[in-house]
Structure formats: C-alpha cells, structure tokens
Amino acid sequence: MSLLAQWSTGMGEKSRFIIVGGIGTIIAWATYSIIYQILPFHNRAIIAWILGYVIAVFQQHSLHRRFTFFSTQESFFPELFRAYGAYSLGLIFSTGLHAHLTMNMLIHHQISWVFSTGVSVISNFVTLKLFVFNQSKD
C-alpha cells in the first residue's frame, strides 16, 4: 500500500486537515514574515497580513486539495476560485483582529499573527469542506 493510500485511509479528515494545515501554516508564517520585512513603511503588519493571507490561500488550497480532501473530481481553478470566496470570511475577521491587536493593543505582530491565524481555522475548515470540496459529511 502506498504512503498516500495509508494517509487517506488510516487517518480521519479532521486529523489530516490539522496536520496539512499546520504544515501550510508554517509556510504561511514564513511568507508573512518575509513580506513584513521587505515592506518599506512603518505600519506594515496589516498589509503583510493581507498579502500573506492571499498568497496562503493558493498554497493551502493546493495542499488541502491533494492531502486532506483528495479532490480530483473538479478542475483546480474553479475550486481555487471558491476557496478564495470561502477564505474571504476568515480574512475579514482575522484582519480585523490583527489590526486591533497590533494597532490598538500594541501586541507584537508575530504574536498577533498566531491569534489571527487561529481565529480563521475553524471557519476555513467548514467553508472548505462545504463549499470548495463539496463534502457534507466526514
């Protein structure tokens, strides 16, 4: 049995989502950090968050398509378009939180990144499962 077959049958979808999402989150954090460092202006945390989030949607969609939901029934780009729609809810809430934490509460942008990312995880799972990969049950 191949490693991918063992992965798909030996582990539940939620567990796969957490593991794949964790790997993707590490990549997204690195992307955010790089963007934050190269932006030339003072209040860069929010812009870095938004740009990093938009890039991360593409990256996370690719990872979840291949390793979490095993979606091959539909073309990549229609699913990706729905993924951007699904992730937009998480973007709105998490950007508001990131702005509040960094600008009003003066929390370090990296700590805020962790909280802001956490806020969108459950929303992203539900919207991906129901609207992007069209799976109504586990």
Protein backbone atom coordinates (compact mmCIF):
# COMPACT_ATOMS: atom_id res chain seq x y z
CA MET A 1 0.00 0.00 0.00
CA SER A 2 1.41 3.40 -0.95
CA LEU A 3 2.15 6.08 1.61
CA LEU A 4 -0.62 8.30 0.18
CA ALA A 5 -3.11 5.40 0.39
CA GLN A 6 -2.15 4.79 4.03
CA TRP A 7 -2.51 8.52 4.70
CA SER A 8 -6.00 8.63 3.16
CA THR A 9 -7.38 5.50 4.84
CA GLY A 10 -5.51 5.45 8.14
CA MET A 11 -6.36 8.93 9.34
CA GLY A 12 -9.58 10.90 9.67
CA GLU A 13 -10.25 14.00 7.63
CA LYS A 14 -10.07 16.36 10.61
CA SER A 15 -6.68 14.95 11.59
CA ARG A 16 -5.42 15.34 8.04
CA PHE A 17 -6.77 18.92 8.00
CA ILE A 18 -4.87 19.74 11.19
CA ILE A 19 -1.58 18.21 10.01
CA VAL A 20 -1.73 19.60 6.47
CA GLY A 21 -2.97 22.93 7.79
CA GLY A 22 -0.12 23.01 10.32
CA ILE A 23 2.46 22.49 7.60
CA GLY A 24 0.77 25.12 5.46
CA THR A 25 0.63 27.49 8.42
CA ILE A 26 4.38 27.25 8.89
CA ILE A 27 4.85 28.12 5.23
CA ALA A 28 2.32 30.97 5.55
CA TRP A 29 4.10 32.33 8.62
CA ALA A 30 7.40 32.36 6.72
CA THR A 31 5.72 34.13 3.80
CA TYR A 32 4.16 36.72 6.13
CA SER A 33 7.50 37.30 7.86
CA ILE A 34 9.32 37.84 4.58
CA ILE A 35 6.67 40.24 3.32
CA TYR A 36 6.72 42.10 6.65
CA GLN A 37 10.50 42.52 6.43
CA ILE A 38 10.54 43.83 2.86
CA LEU A 39 7.69 46.34 3.13
CA PRO A 40 9.18 49.83 3.31
CA PHE A 41 6.66 51.61 5.53
CA HIS A 42 6.03 51.85 9.26
CA ASN A 43 2.55 50.28 9.68
CA ARG A 44 3.28 47.19 7.64
CA ALA A 45 1.73 44.44 9.78
CA ILE A 46 -1.76 44.77 8.27
CA ILE A 47 -0.56 44.93 4.65
CA ALA A 48 1.81 42.00 5.24
CA TRP A 49 -1.09 40.07 6.83
CA ILE A 50 -3.39 40.66 3.85
CA LEU A 51 -0.75 39.89 1.19
CA GLY A 52 0.43 36.82 3.08
CA TYR A 53 -3.16 35.62 3.50
CA VAL A 54 -3.93 35.96 -0.21
CA ILE A 55 -0.78 34.00 -1.10
CA ALA A 56 -1.52 31.41 1.59
CA VAL A 57 -4.99 30.70 0.15
CA PHE A 58 -3.42 29.43 -3.07
CA GLN A 59 -0.84 27.41 -1.18
CA GLN A 60 -3.30 25.98 1.37
CA HIS A 61 -5.84 25.14 -1.32
CA SER A 62 -3.21 23.16 -3.20
CA LEU A 63 -2.16 21.27 -0.06
CA HIS A 64 -5.73 20.53 1.11
CA ARG A 65 -6.83 19.52 -2.38
CA ARG A 66 -4.05 16.94 -2.58
CA PHE A 67 -3.60 15.75 1.01
CA THR A 68 -6.77 16.47 3.01
CA PHE A 69 -9.85 16.24 0.79
CA PHE A 70 -8.28 14.31 -2.14
CA SER A 71 -10.22 16.38 -4.64
CA THR A 72 -9.72 15.34 -8.22
CA GLN A 73 -13.29 15.48 -9.47
CA GLU A 74 -13.19 19.12 -10.48
CA SER A 75 -10.64 21.33 -12.16
CA PHE A 76 -8.16 23.16 -9.96
CA PHE A 77 -9.14 26.74 -10.82
CA PRO A 78 -12.92 26.54 -10.16
CA GLU A 79 -12.11 25.07 -6.76
CA LEU A 80 -9.45 27.73 -6.18
CA PHE A 81 -11.95 30.46 -7.02
CA ARG A 82 -14.38 29.02 -4.44
CA ALA A 83 -11.50 28.72 -1.96
CA TYR A 84 -10.82 32.45 -2.24
CA GLY A 85 -14.51 33.06 -1.59
CA ALA A 86 -14.53 30.70 1.39
CA TYR A 87 -11.33 32.12 2.87
CA SER A 88 -12.59 35.70 2.46
CA LEU A 89 -14.74 35.30 5.58
CA GLY A 90 -11.67 34.26 7.56
CA LEU A 91 -9.72 37.15 6.01
CA ILE A 92 -12.27 39.72 7.14
CA PHE A 93 -12.41 38.52 10.74
CA SER A 94 -8.72 37.79 11.12
CA THR A 95 -7.63 41.09 9.54
CA GLY A 96 -9.87 42.98 11.94
CA LEU A 97 -8.39 41.07 14.85
CA HIS A 98 -4.82 41.53 13.59
CA ALA A 99 -5.38 45.27 13.20
CA HIS A 100 -6.90 45.55 16.67
CA LEU A 101 -4.15 43.55 18.34
CA THR A 102 -1.24 45.31 16.63
CA MET A 103 -2.57 48.87 16.43
CA ASN A 104 -4.81 49.24 19.49
CA MET A 105 -3.43 46.74 21.96
CA LEU A 106 0.18 47.14 20.72
CA ILE A 107 0.77 43.40 20.70
CA HIS A 108 3.83 42.29 18.74
CA HIS A 109 2.88 41.47 15.14
CA GLN A 110 4.17 37.87 15.35
CA ILE A 111 2.06 37.11 18.44
CA SER A 112 -0.92 38.76 16.78
CA TRP A 113 -0.29 36.62 13.70
CA VAL A 114 -0.71 33.47 15.80
CA PHE A 115 -4.03 34.65 17.28
CA SER A 116 -5.30 35.95 13.95
CA THR A 117 -4.48 32.66 12.25
CA GLY A 118 -6.21 30.71 14.99
CA VAL A 119 -9.42 32.69 14.52
CA SER A 120 -9.78 31.62 10.91
CA VAL A 121 -9.02 27.89 11.25
CA ILE A 122 -12.50 26.58 12.14
CA SER A 123 -14.24 28.87 9.68
CA ASN A 124 -11.84 27.79 6.96
CA PHE A 125 -12.38 24.08 7.64
CA VAL A 126 -16.16 24.37 7.47
CA THR A 127 -16.23 26.57 4.39
CA LEU A 128 -13.65 24.47 2.55
CA LYS A 129 -15.47 21.25 3.33
CA LEU A 130 -18.93 22.51 2.40
CA PHE A 131 -18.34 25.00 -0.40
CA VAL A 132 -14.99 24.24 -2.00
CA PHE A 133 -14.59 20.49 -1.90
CA ASN A 134 -18.36 19.79 -1.74
CA GLN A 135 -18.30 17.31 1.11
CA SER A 136 -21.21 17.49 3.52
CA LYS A 137 -20.12 14.72 5.92
CA ASP A 138 -16.89 13.28 7.33
